[in-house]
N, C-alpha and C. Protein backbone atom coordinates (compact mmCIF):
# COMPACT_ATOMS: atom_id res chain seq x y z
N MET A 1 -11.83 -5.27 17.61
CA MET A 1 -11.37 -6.28 16.70
C MET A 1 -9.79 -6.28 16.65
N THR A 2 -9.19 -5.18 16.65
CA THR A 2 -7.70 -5.13 16.63
C THR A 2 -7.14 -5.82 17.89
N ASN A 3 -7.63 -5.51 19.03
CA ASN A 3 -7.14 -6.13 20.24
C ASN A 3 -7.35 -7.64 20.21
N ASN A 4 -8.45 -8.11 19.69
CA ASN A 4 -8.69 -9.53 19.69
C ASN A 4 -7.81 -10.25 18.62
N PHE A 5 -7.43 -9.52 17.62
CA PHE A 5 -6.53 -10.16 16.55
C PHE A 5 -5.07 -10.11 16.89
N LEU A 6 -4.71 -9.19 17.77
CA LEU A 6 -3.32 -8.91 18.08
C LEU A 6 -2.47 -10.17 18.38
N PRO A 7 -2.95 -11.08 19.29
CA PRO A 7 -2.09 -12.22 19.56
C PRO A 7 -1.81 -13.11 18.32
N PHE A 8 -2.77 -13.13 17.39
CA PHE A 8 -2.61 -13.94 16.23
C PHE A 8 -1.86 -13.26 15.15
N GLY A 9 -1.96 -11.96 15.05
CA GLY A 9 -1.22 -11.18 14.12
C GLY A 9 0.31 -11.17 14.48
N CYS A 10 0.60 -11.22 15.76
CA CYS A 10 2.01 -11.28 16.16
C CYS A 10 2.67 -12.56 15.72
N GLY A 11 1.92 -13.67 15.84
CA GLY A 11 2.39 -14.97 15.40
C GLY A 11 2.71 -14.98 13.91
N ALA A 12 1.86 -14.29 13.14
CA ALA A 12 1.98 -14.27 11.70
C ALA A 12 3.23 -13.46 11.34
N ARG A 13 3.57 -12.45 12.18
CA ARG A 13 4.82 -11.63 11.93
C ARG A 13 6.01 -12.24 12.61
N ASN A 14 5.81 -13.40 13.19
CA ASN A 14 6.98 -14.13 13.82
C ASN A 14 7.50 -13.38 15.01
N THR A 15 6.55 -12.67 15.77
CA THR A 15 7.00 -12.08 16.99
C THR A 15 6.19 -12.58 18.15
N ILE A 16 6.63 -12.38 19.33
CA ILE A 16 5.93 -12.91 20.55
C ILE A 16 4.93 -11.86 21.08
N PHE A 17 3.74 -12.32 21.36
CA PHE A 17 2.75 -11.44 21.93
C PHE A 17 2.84 -11.59 23.48
N LEU A 18 3.13 -10.45 24.14
CA LEU A 18 3.20 -10.46 25.62
C LEU A 18 1.90 -9.75 26.12
N GLN A 19 1.28 -10.32 27.14
CA GLN A 19 0.15 -9.70 27.69
C GLN A 19 0.62 -8.43 28.48
N ARG A 20 -0.20 -7.37 28.42
CA ARG A 20 0.22 -6.15 29.06
C ARG A 20 0.35 -6.30 30.57
N SER A 21 -0.61 -7.00 31.17
CA SER A 21 -0.62 -7.06 32.67
C SER A 21 0.52 -7.80 33.28
N SER A 22 0.94 -8.94 32.68
CA SER A 22 1.95 -9.71 33.31
C SER A 22 3.26 -9.91 32.54
N LYS A 23 3.21 -9.47 31.34
CA LYS A 23 4.36 -9.53 30.42
C LYS A 23 4.76 -11.04 30.18
N ASN A 24 3.85 -11.96 30.41
CA ASN A 24 4.05 -13.37 30.08
C ASN A 24 3.38 -13.72 28.86
N LEU A 25 3.75 -14.89 28.36
CA LEU A 25 2.96 -15.43 27.23
C LEU A 25 1.54 -15.71 27.61
N PRO A 26 0.59 -15.52 26.74
CA PRO A 26 -0.83 -15.77 27.06
C PRO A 26 -1.05 -17.32 27.25
N THR A 27 -1.94 -17.61 28.13
CA THR A 27 -2.27 -18.95 28.39
C THR A 27 -3.29 -19.53 27.35
N THR A 28 -3.47 -20.80 27.32
CA THR A 28 -4.37 -21.37 26.35
C THR A 28 -5.80 -20.87 26.53
N PRO A 29 -6.38 -20.76 27.76
CA PRO A 29 -7.72 -20.25 27.92
C PRO A 29 -7.80 -18.80 27.46
N VAL A 30 -6.76 -17.98 27.67
CA VAL A 30 -6.83 -16.61 27.27
C VAL A 30 -6.82 -16.52 25.71
N LEU A 31 -6.01 -17.32 25.07
CA LEU A 31 -6.00 -17.44 23.58
C LEU A 31 -7.31 -17.89 23.06
N ASP A 32 -7.91 -18.94 23.66
CA ASP A 32 -9.20 -19.43 23.22
C ASP A 32 -10.34 -18.35 23.31
N LYS A 33 -10.24 -17.60 24.42
CA LYS A 33 -11.23 -16.54 24.58
C LYS A 33 -11.04 -15.42 23.48
N LYS A 34 -9.72 -15.09 23.24
CA LYS A 34 -9.43 -14.08 22.18
C LYS A 34 -9.88 -14.56 20.82
N GLU A 35 -9.69 -15.88 20.57
CA GLU A 35 -10.14 -16.40 19.25
C GLU A 35 -11.63 -16.26 19.13
N GLU A 36 -12.31 -16.60 20.12
CA GLU A 36 -13.77 -16.58 20.10
C GLU A 36 -14.30 -15.12 19.93
N GLU A 37 -13.64 -14.22 20.66
CA GLU A 37 -13.99 -12.81 20.52
C GLU A 37 -13.72 -12.30 19.12
N PHE A 38 -12.58 -12.75 18.52
CA PHE A 38 -12.21 -12.31 17.20
C PHE A 38 -13.25 -12.82 16.16
N ILE A 39 -13.58 -14.09 16.29
CA ILE A 39 -14.61 -14.61 15.38
C ILE A 39 -15.92 -13.93 15.60
N GLU A 40 -16.26 -13.54 16.74
CA GLU A 40 -17.46 -12.78 17.01
C GLU A 40 -17.39 -11.41 16.31
N ASP A 41 -16.23 -10.79 16.42
CA ASP A 41 -16.07 -9.45 15.77
C ASP A 41 -16.18 -9.56 14.24
N VAL A 42 -15.54 -10.58 13.66
CA VAL A 42 -15.64 -10.83 12.19
C VAL A 42 -17.09 -11.02 11.79
N TYR A 43 -17.72 -11.89 12.56
CA TYR A 43 -19.14 -12.24 12.33
C TYR A 43 -20.01 -11.04 12.31
N GLU A 44 -19.86 -10.19 13.30
CA GLU A 44 -20.66 -8.98 13.42
C GLU A 44 -20.35 -7.93 12.26
N VAL A 45 -19.16 -7.87 11.91
CA VAL A 45 -18.75 -6.93 10.80
C VAL A 45 -19.41 -7.37 9.54
N LEU A 46 -19.33 -8.66 9.24
CA LEU A 46 -19.92 -9.20 8.02
C LEU A 46 -21.47 -9.03 8.03
N ARG A 47 -22.07 -9.35 9.19
CA ARG A 47 -23.49 -9.20 9.29
C ARG A 47 -23.98 -7.78 9.16
N SER A 48 -23.26 -6.89 9.73
CA SER A 48 -23.61 -5.40 9.60
C SER A 48 -23.32 -4.91 8.18
N SER A 49 -22.51 -5.60 7.41
CA SER A 49 -22.23 -5.21 6.02
C SER A 49 -23.14 -5.92 5.10
N HIS A 50 -24.23 -6.52 5.63
CA HIS A 50 -25.31 -7.11 4.85
C HIS A 50 -24.84 -8.40 4.15
N TYR A 51 -23.85 -9.08 4.72
CA TYR A 51 -23.52 -10.42 4.27
C TYR A 51 -24.37 -11.37 5.11
N THR A 52 -24.67 -12.50 4.53
CA THR A 52 -25.47 -13.53 5.30
C THR A 52 -24.76 -14.89 5.28
N LEU A 53 -24.95 -15.61 6.26
CA LEU A 53 -24.35 -16.95 6.36
C LEU A 53 -25.08 -17.90 5.33
N LEU A 54 -24.33 -18.76 4.75
CA LEU A 54 -24.86 -19.74 3.75
C LEU A 54 -25.72 -20.76 4.57
N THR A 55 -26.99 -20.86 4.20
CA THR A 55 -27.91 -21.74 4.87
C THR A 55 -27.93 -23.15 4.16
N ASN A 56 -28.59 -24.08 4.83
CA ASN A 56 -28.77 -25.37 4.23
C ASN A 56 -29.44 -25.36 2.87
N GLU A 57 -30.53 -24.54 2.83
CA GLU A 57 -31.28 -24.48 1.55
C GLU A 57 -30.37 -23.89 0.46
N GLU A 58 -29.65 -22.84 0.77
CA GLU A 58 -28.74 -22.24 -0.27
C GLU A 58 -27.64 -23.19 -0.69
N TRP A 59 -27.07 -24.00 0.24
CA TRP A 59 -26.08 -24.96 -0.04
C TRP A 59 -26.65 -26.04 -0.93
N ASP A 60 -27.87 -26.53 -0.60
CA ASP A 60 -28.50 -27.56 -1.43
C ASP A 60 -28.75 -27.03 -2.79
N LEU A 61 -29.21 -25.79 -2.97
CA LEU A 61 -29.41 -25.22 -4.31
C LEU A 61 -28.11 -25.10 -5.03
N ALA A 62 -27.07 -24.63 -4.41
CA ALA A 62 -25.80 -24.48 -5.01
C ALA A 62 -25.22 -25.75 -5.51
N THR A 63 -25.32 -26.81 -4.70
CA THR A 63 -24.77 -28.05 -5.08
C THR A 63 -25.58 -28.81 -6.14
N SER A 64 -26.89 -28.45 -6.30
CA SER A 64 -27.72 -29.07 -7.27
C SER A 64 -27.61 -28.39 -8.60
N GLU A 65 -27.18 -27.22 -8.64
CA GLU A 65 -27.07 -26.41 -9.91
C GLU A 65 -25.61 -26.72 -10.46
N ASN A 66 -25.42 -26.16 -11.62
CA ASN A 66 -24.17 -26.34 -12.32
C ASN A 66 -23.16 -25.17 -12.02
N PHE A 67 -22.77 -25.11 -10.76
CA PHE A 67 -21.85 -24.09 -10.28
C PHE A 67 -20.43 -24.74 -10.34
N ASN A 68 -19.48 -23.98 -10.06
CA ASN A 68 -18.06 -24.45 -9.97
C ASN A 68 -17.73 -25.02 -8.65
N LEU A 69 -18.61 -25.73 -8.08
CA LEU A 69 -18.40 -26.30 -6.76
C LEU A 69 -17.79 -27.67 -6.85
N ASN A 70 -17.76 -28.20 -8.03
CA ASN A 70 -17.22 -29.52 -8.22
C ASN A 70 -15.79 -29.54 -8.75
N LEU A 71 -15.14 -28.40 -8.68
CA LEU A 71 -13.68 -28.35 -9.17
C LEU A 71 -12.82 -29.18 -8.20
N PRO A 72 -11.77 -29.83 -8.74
CA PRO A 72 -10.95 -30.61 -7.92
C PRO A 72 -10.19 -29.77 -6.86
N MET A 73 -10.50 -29.96 -5.59
CA MET A 73 -9.91 -29.20 -4.60
C MET A 73 -9.94 -30.11 -3.27
N GLU A 74 -8.86 -29.96 -2.58
CA GLU A 74 -8.81 -30.75 -1.38
C GLU A 74 -8.41 -29.86 -0.20
N VAL A 75 -9.19 -29.85 0.88
CA VAL A 75 -8.92 -29.08 2.03
C VAL A 75 -8.34 -29.92 3.10
N ASN A 76 -7.27 -29.53 3.69
CA ASN A 76 -6.64 -30.30 4.78
C ASN A 76 -7.25 -29.73 6.07
N TRP A 77 -8.33 -30.39 6.57
CA TRP A 77 -9.01 -29.88 7.73
C TRP A 77 -8.16 -30.06 8.99
N GLU A 78 -7.13 -30.83 9.00
CA GLU A 78 -6.29 -31.09 10.15
C GLU A 78 -5.57 -29.82 10.56
N TYR A 79 -5.34 -28.89 9.67
CA TYR A 79 -4.65 -27.60 10.03
C TYR A 79 -5.55 -26.66 10.79
N MET A 80 -6.86 -26.91 10.76
CA MET A 80 -7.79 -25.98 11.42
C MET A 80 -8.11 -26.45 12.82
N ASP A 81 -8.49 -25.48 13.63
CA ASP A 81 -8.94 -25.72 15.02
C ASP A 81 -10.30 -26.40 14.96
N LYS A 82 -10.40 -27.59 15.45
CA LYS A 82 -11.65 -28.35 15.37
C LYS A 82 -12.72 -27.82 16.37
N ASN A 83 -12.24 -27.12 17.38
CA ASN A 83 -13.16 -26.70 18.47
C ASN A 83 -13.53 -25.26 18.41
N LEU A 84 -12.86 -24.41 17.63
CA LEU A 84 -13.08 -23.00 17.68
C LEU A 84 -14.59 -22.60 17.37
N LEU A 85 -15.03 -23.09 16.20
CA LEU A 85 -16.42 -22.79 15.82
C LEU A 85 -17.47 -23.51 16.66
N VAL A 86 -17.08 -24.70 17.11
CA VAL A 86 -17.96 -25.42 17.99
C VAL A 86 -18.23 -24.62 19.30
N ARG A 87 -17.15 -24.10 19.88
CA ARG A 87 -17.29 -23.18 21.01
C ARG A 87 -18.04 -21.92 20.73
N PHE A 88 -17.78 -21.38 19.54
CA PHE A 88 -18.47 -20.13 19.16
C PHE A 88 -19.99 -20.39 19.03
N TRP A 89 -20.42 -21.44 18.42
CA TRP A 89 -21.83 -21.75 18.25
C TRP A 89 -22.50 -22.10 19.58
N GLN A 90 -21.77 -22.73 20.49
CA GLN A 90 -22.39 -23.09 21.81
C GLN A 90 -22.35 -21.97 22.81
N SER A 91 -21.75 -20.84 22.49
CA SER A 91 -21.58 -19.79 23.52
C SER A 91 -22.88 -19.09 23.84
N THR A 92 -23.86 -19.03 22.96
CA THR A 92 -25.14 -18.46 23.30
C THR A 92 -26.28 -19.22 22.64
N PRO A 93 -27.46 -19.23 23.24
CA PRO A 93 -28.59 -19.99 22.63
C PRO A 93 -28.95 -19.44 21.23
N GLY A 94 -28.81 -18.16 21.02
CA GLY A 94 -29.11 -17.56 19.72
C GLY A 94 -28.18 -18.12 18.64
N ARG A 95 -26.90 -18.31 19.01
CA ARG A 95 -25.95 -18.84 18.04
C ARG A 95 -26.26 -20.38 17.81
N GLU A 96 -26.68 -21.04 18.76
CA GLU A 96 -27.04 -22.46 18.62
C GLU A 96 -28.17 -22.56 17.60
N ALA A 97 -29.15 -21.65 17.63
CA ALA A 97 -30.28 -21.66 16.69
C ALA A 97 -29.76 -21.35 15.28
N ILE A 98 -28.86 -20.41 15.17
CA ILE A 98 -28.30 -20.07 13.84
C ILE A 98 -27.54 -21.27 13.31
N ARG A 99 -26.80 -22.00 14.13
CA ARG A 99 -25.99 -23.11 13.71
C ARG A 99 -26.85 -24.21 13.13
N LYS A 100 -28.09 -24.39 13.64
CA LYS A 100 -28.94 -25.44 13.10
C LYS A 100 -29.37 -25.20 11.70
N ALA A 101 -29.32 -23.95 11.25
CA ALA A 101 -29.73 -23.68 9.81
C ALA A 101 -28.55 -23.73 8.86
N LEU A 102 -27.35 -24.07 9.36
CA LEU A 102 -26.23 -24.12 8.46
C LEU A 102 -25.89 -25.54 8.03
N PRO A 103 -25.22 -25.69 6.88
CA PRO A 103 -24.85 -27.03 6.41
C PRO A 103 -23.92 -27.75 7.38
N ASP A 104 -24.20 -28.98 7.75
CA ASP A 104 -23.50 -29.77 8.72
C ASP A 104 -22.06 -30.00 8.20
N CYS A 105 -21.91 -30.09 6.88
CA CYS A 105 -20.61 -30.42 6.33
C CYS A 105 -19.56 -29.35 6.51
N MET A 106 -20.00 -28.14 6.88
CA MET A 106 -18.97 -27.03 7.04
C MET A 106 -19.23 -26.13 8.19
N ALA A 107 -20.32 -26.23 8.91
CA ALA A 107 -20.66 -25.17 9.97
C ALA A 107 -19.67 -25.17 11.06
N ASP A 108 -19.10 -26.39 11.48
CA ASP A 108 -18.14 -26.39 12.57
C ASP A 108 -16.72 -26.27 12.12
N ARG A 109 -16.58 -25.94 10.84
CA ARG A 109 -15.16 -25.82 10.33
C ARG A 109 -14.89 -24.46 9.74
N ILE A 110 -15.82 -23.95 9.00
CA ILE A 110 -15.61 -22.65 8.34
C ILE A 110 -16.92 -21.83 8.37
N LEU A 111 -16.77 -20.53 8.26
CA LEU A 111 -17.97 -19.65 8.09
C LEU A 111 -18.07 -19.17 6.60
N VAL A 112 -19.15 -19.45 5.96
CA VAL A 112 -19.32 -19.04 4.60
C VAL A 112 -20.35 -17.96 4.49
N PHE A 113 -19.97 -16.75 4.13
CA PHE A 113 -20.88 -15.64 3.95
C PHE A 113 -21.01 -15.32 2.51
N HIS A 114 -22.18 -14.79 2.18
CA HIS A 114 -22.39 -14.33 0.79
C HIS A 114 -23.28 -13.07 0.81
N ARG A 115 -23.30 -12.44 -0.34
CA ARG A 115 -24.11 -11.18 -0.48
C ARG A 115 -24.57 -11.06 -1.95
N GLY A 116 -25.68 -10.52 -2.14
CA GLY A 116 -26.16 -10.25 -3.49
C GLY A 116 -26.72 -11.44 -4.22
N MET A 117 -27.42 -12.25 -3.60
CA MET A 117 -28.06 -13.37 -4.23
C MET A 117 -29.52 -13.07 -4.56
N GLY A 118 -29.98 -13.46 -5.70
CA GLY A 118 -31.37 -13.27 -6.11
C GLY A 118 -31.55 -12.30 -7.21
N THR A 119 -32.71 -12.09 -7.57
CA THR A 119 -33.07 -11.18 -8.71
C THR A 119 -33.89 -10.03 -8.06
N GLU A 120 -33.52 -8.84 -8.44
CA GLU A 120 -34.28 -7.67 -7.95
C GLU A 120 -35.31 -7.27 -9.04
N LYS A 121 -36.51 -7.11 -8.63
CA LYS A 121 -37.56 -6.72 -9.59
C LYS A 121 -38.12 -5.38 -9.20
N LEU A 122 -38.38 -4.50 -10.13
CA LEU A 122 -38.95 -3.23 -9.95
C LEU A 122 -40.27 -3.17 -10.71
N SER A 123 -41.21 -2.49 -10.25
CA SER A 123 -42.46 -2.31 -10.98
C SER A 123 -42.88 -0.84 -10.95
N GLY A 124 -43.62 -0.46 -11.91
CA GLY A 124 -44.01 0.96 -12.08
C GLY A 124 -43.61 1.52 -13.36
N LEU A 125 -43.85 2.81 -13.56
CA LEU A 125 -43.45 3.51 -14.80
C LEU A 125 -42.02 3.86 -14.83
N LEU A 126 -41.40 4.04 -13.67
CA LEU A 126 -39.96 4.44 -13.61
C LEU A 126 -39.65 5.69 -14.45
N LEU A 127 -40.50 6.67 -14.36
CA LEU A 127 -40.39 7.87 -15.19
C LEU A 127 -39.06 8.61 -14.89
N ASP A 128 -38.69 8.75 -13.65
CA ASP A 128 -37.46 9.46 -13.25
C ASP A 128 -36.28 8.76 -13.92
N GLN A 129 -36.14 7.49 -13.88
CA GLN A 129 -35.01 6.81 -14.44
C GLN A 129 -35.04 6.91 -15.96
N LYS A 130 -36.18 6.89 -16.54
CA LYS A 130 -36.23 7.03 -18.00
C LYS A 130 -35.87 8.40 -18.43
N LEU A 131 -36.37 9.39 -17.72
CA LEU A 131 -35.98 10.80 -18.05
C LEU A 131 -34.51 11.02 -17.86
N ASP A 132 -33.93 10.47 -16.82
CA ASP A 132 -32.47 10.62 -16.63
C ASP A 132 -31.68 10.02 -17.78
N LEU A 133 -32.10 8.86 -18.23
CA LEU A 133 -31.43 8.15 -19.31
C LEU A 133 -31.56 8.95 -20.61
N LEU A 134 -32.80 9.42 -20.85
CA LEU A 134 -33.05 10.25 -22.11
C LEU A 134 -32.21 11.49 -22.13
N MET A 135 -32.08 12.13 -20.95
CA MET A 135 -31.30 13.38 -20.89
C MET A 135 -29.83 13.03 -21.10
N GLU A 136 -29.41 11.90 -20.54
CA GLU A 136 -27.96 11.54 -20.74
C GLU A 136 -27.68 11.27 -22.20
N TYR A 137 -28.56 10.47 -22.83
CA TYR A 137 -28.39 10.23 -24.25
C TYR A 137 -28.36 11.48 -25.08
N THR A 138 -29.32 12.39 -24.78
CA THR A 138 -29.39 13.65 -25.55
C THR A 138 -28.17 14.50 -25.35
N VAL A 139 -27.73 14.68 -24.13
CA VAL A 139 -26.58 15.53 -23.84
C VAL A 139 -25.31 14.96 -24.48
N PHE A 140 -25.15 13.60 -24.35
CA PHE A 140 -23.92 13.04 -24.93
C PHE A 140 -23.96 13.06 -26.47
N ALA A 141 -25.11 12.89 -27.04
CA ALA A 141 -25.24 12.92 -28.47
C ALA A 141 -24.97 14.40 -28.98
N LEU A 142 -25.44 15.40 -28.31
CA LEU A 142 -25.19 16.78 -28.65
C LEU A 142 -23.73 17.12 -28.53
N LEU A 143 -23.16 16.75 -27.38
CA LEU A 143 -21.69 17.02 -27.22
C LEU A 143 -20.83 16.33 -28.26
N GLU A 144 -21.22 15.09 -28.61
CA GLU A 144 -20.45 14.39 -29.64
C GLU A 144 -20.51 15.10 -30.95
N LYS A 145 -21.68 15.61 -31.29
CA LYS A 145 -21.77 16.30 -32.57
C LYS A 145 -21.09 17.66 -32.56
N LEU A 146 -21.04 18.29 -31.42
CA LEU A 146 -20.39 19.62 -31.32
C LEU A 146 -18.86 19.52 -31.04
N GLU A 147 -18.36 18.36 -30.76
CA GLU A 147 -16.95 18.27 -30.40
C GLU A 147 -15.95 18.78 -31.44
N GLN A 148 -16.16 18.29 -32.68
CA GLN A 148 -15.25 18.72 -33.77
C GLN A 148 -15.36 20.23 -34.05
N PRO A 149 -16.59 20.82 -34.26
CA PRO A 149 -16.66 22.27 -34.44
C PRO A 149 -16.11 23.06 -33.34
N LEU A 150 -16.34 22.60 -32.11
CA LEU A 150 -15.75 23.34 -30.92
C LEU A 150 -14.22 23.33 -30.98
N LYS A 151 -13.64 22.22 -31.34
CA LYS A 151 -12.19 22.09 -31.38
C LYS A 151 -11.65 23.05 -32.43
N GLU A 152 -12.32 23.05 -33.60
CA GLU A 152 -11.87 23.94 -34.70
C GLU A 152 -12.01 25.40 -34.33
N ALA A 153 -13.06 25.78 -33.63
CA ALA A 153 -13.31 27.12 -33.20
C ALA A 153 -12.22 27.51 -32.13
N LEU A 154 -11.88 26.63 -31.25
CA LEU A 154 -10.89 26.85 -30.27
C LEU A 154 -9.50 27.04 -30.92
N ASP A 155 -9.18 26.22 -31.92
CA ASP A 155 -7.94 26.36 -32.65
C ASP A 155 -7.85 27.71 -33.37
N LYS A 156 -8.98 28.23 -33.89
CA LYS A 156 -8.97 29.53 -34.59
C LYS A 156 -8.72 30.63 -33.53
N VAL A 157 -9.35 30.53 -32.40
CA VAL A 157 -9.17 31.57 -31.31
C VAL A 157 -7.74 31.56 -30.86
N ARG A 158 -7.13 30.40 -30.75
CA ARG A 158 -5.72 30.28 -30.28
C ARG A 158 -4.82 30.94 -31.36
N SER A 159 -5.10 30.62 -32.59
CA SER A 159 -4.27 31.26 -33.65
C SER A 159 -4.42 32.73 -33.72
N LEU A 160 -5.57 33.26 -33.48
CA LEU A 160 -5.78 34.73 -33.50
C LEU A 160 -5.08 35.40 -32.31
N ILE A 161 -5.01 34.77 -31.19
CA ILE A 161 -4.32 35.45 -30.07
C ILE A 161 -2.92 35.01 -29.91
N GLY A 162 -2.42 34.22 -30.80
CA GLY A 162 -1.01 33.80 -30.83
C GLY A 162 -0.60 32.68 -29.94
N LEU A 163 -1.55 31.90 -29.49
CA LEU A 163 -1.22 30.74 -28.64
C LEU A 163 -1.06 29.50 -29.54
N GLN A 164 -0.11 28.68 -29.17
CA GLN A 164 0.10 27.43 -29.99
C GLN A 164 -0.80 26.37 -29.32
N LYS A 165 -1.16 25.40 -30.18
CA LYS A 165 -1.92 24.29 -29.68
C LYS A 165 -1.10 23.46 -28.75
N GLN A 166 -1.59 23.14 -27.57
CA GLN A 166 -0.81 22.37 -26.64
C GLN A 166 -0.76 20.91 -27.10
N GLN A 167 0.46 20.35 -27.00
CA GLN A 167 0.67 18.97 -27.37
C GLN A 167 0.38 18.11 -26.09
N PRO A 168 -0.18 16.92 -26.32
CA PRO A 168 -0.44 16.04 -25.18
C PRO A 168 0.89 15.69 -24.55
N GLN A 169 0.96 15.66 -23.20
CA GLN A 169 2.15 15.24 -22.52
C GLN A 169 2.27 13.74 -22.50
N GLN A 170 3.53 13.29 -22.62
CA GLN A 170 3.85 11.86 -22.62
C GLN A 170 4.51 11.43 -21.38
C-alpha cells in the first residue's frame, strides 16, 4: 500500500516522485496503474476490516428514511478522476459483478463503505453474562460501602506510625 501511495503522497507534500529505475517522472500509464493498485489496496483493507460497500438496497433504505442525507451539500465532481473507478470495476469480472450491486449515482465516482448496520439479537438464558453483572454490582456496592471506613482506618494507621496524609498533587 505504501509503495502504491508514494507517487500521490509526494504530490501532496509538494515534492517530485522519481521512479527508482530511471529517475524520470512517472508516465501517465504508470500513474494510472499505481492509482488502481492503491484503490485495490484500500478496498482490500476495508473488506478485511469487515466494512462492506453500500449496496443499492441499503442506499434506497437510507434515502427513504429520515437520515441526514438531505443536508445542503454540493460536491464538485469535476475535481475527481472520472475514469479511475471505472477502470477499477472493469479490471476483473468479479469486480464487474460487485459494481452491478452498487448505486449508479455514486459507484463510478466514490467508494462508500459502512460497518455495524442492523440489530443484533441474542437468545437463551445468558447466565454467564447475568452472573458477571451481578458480581460486578455486588463488588462495587460492597467497595462503595467500605470506602469511608477503610479511609478512616488508614488515616488512624498513618497517625500511629507517624506518617502524614498525602495531599493530592496539582
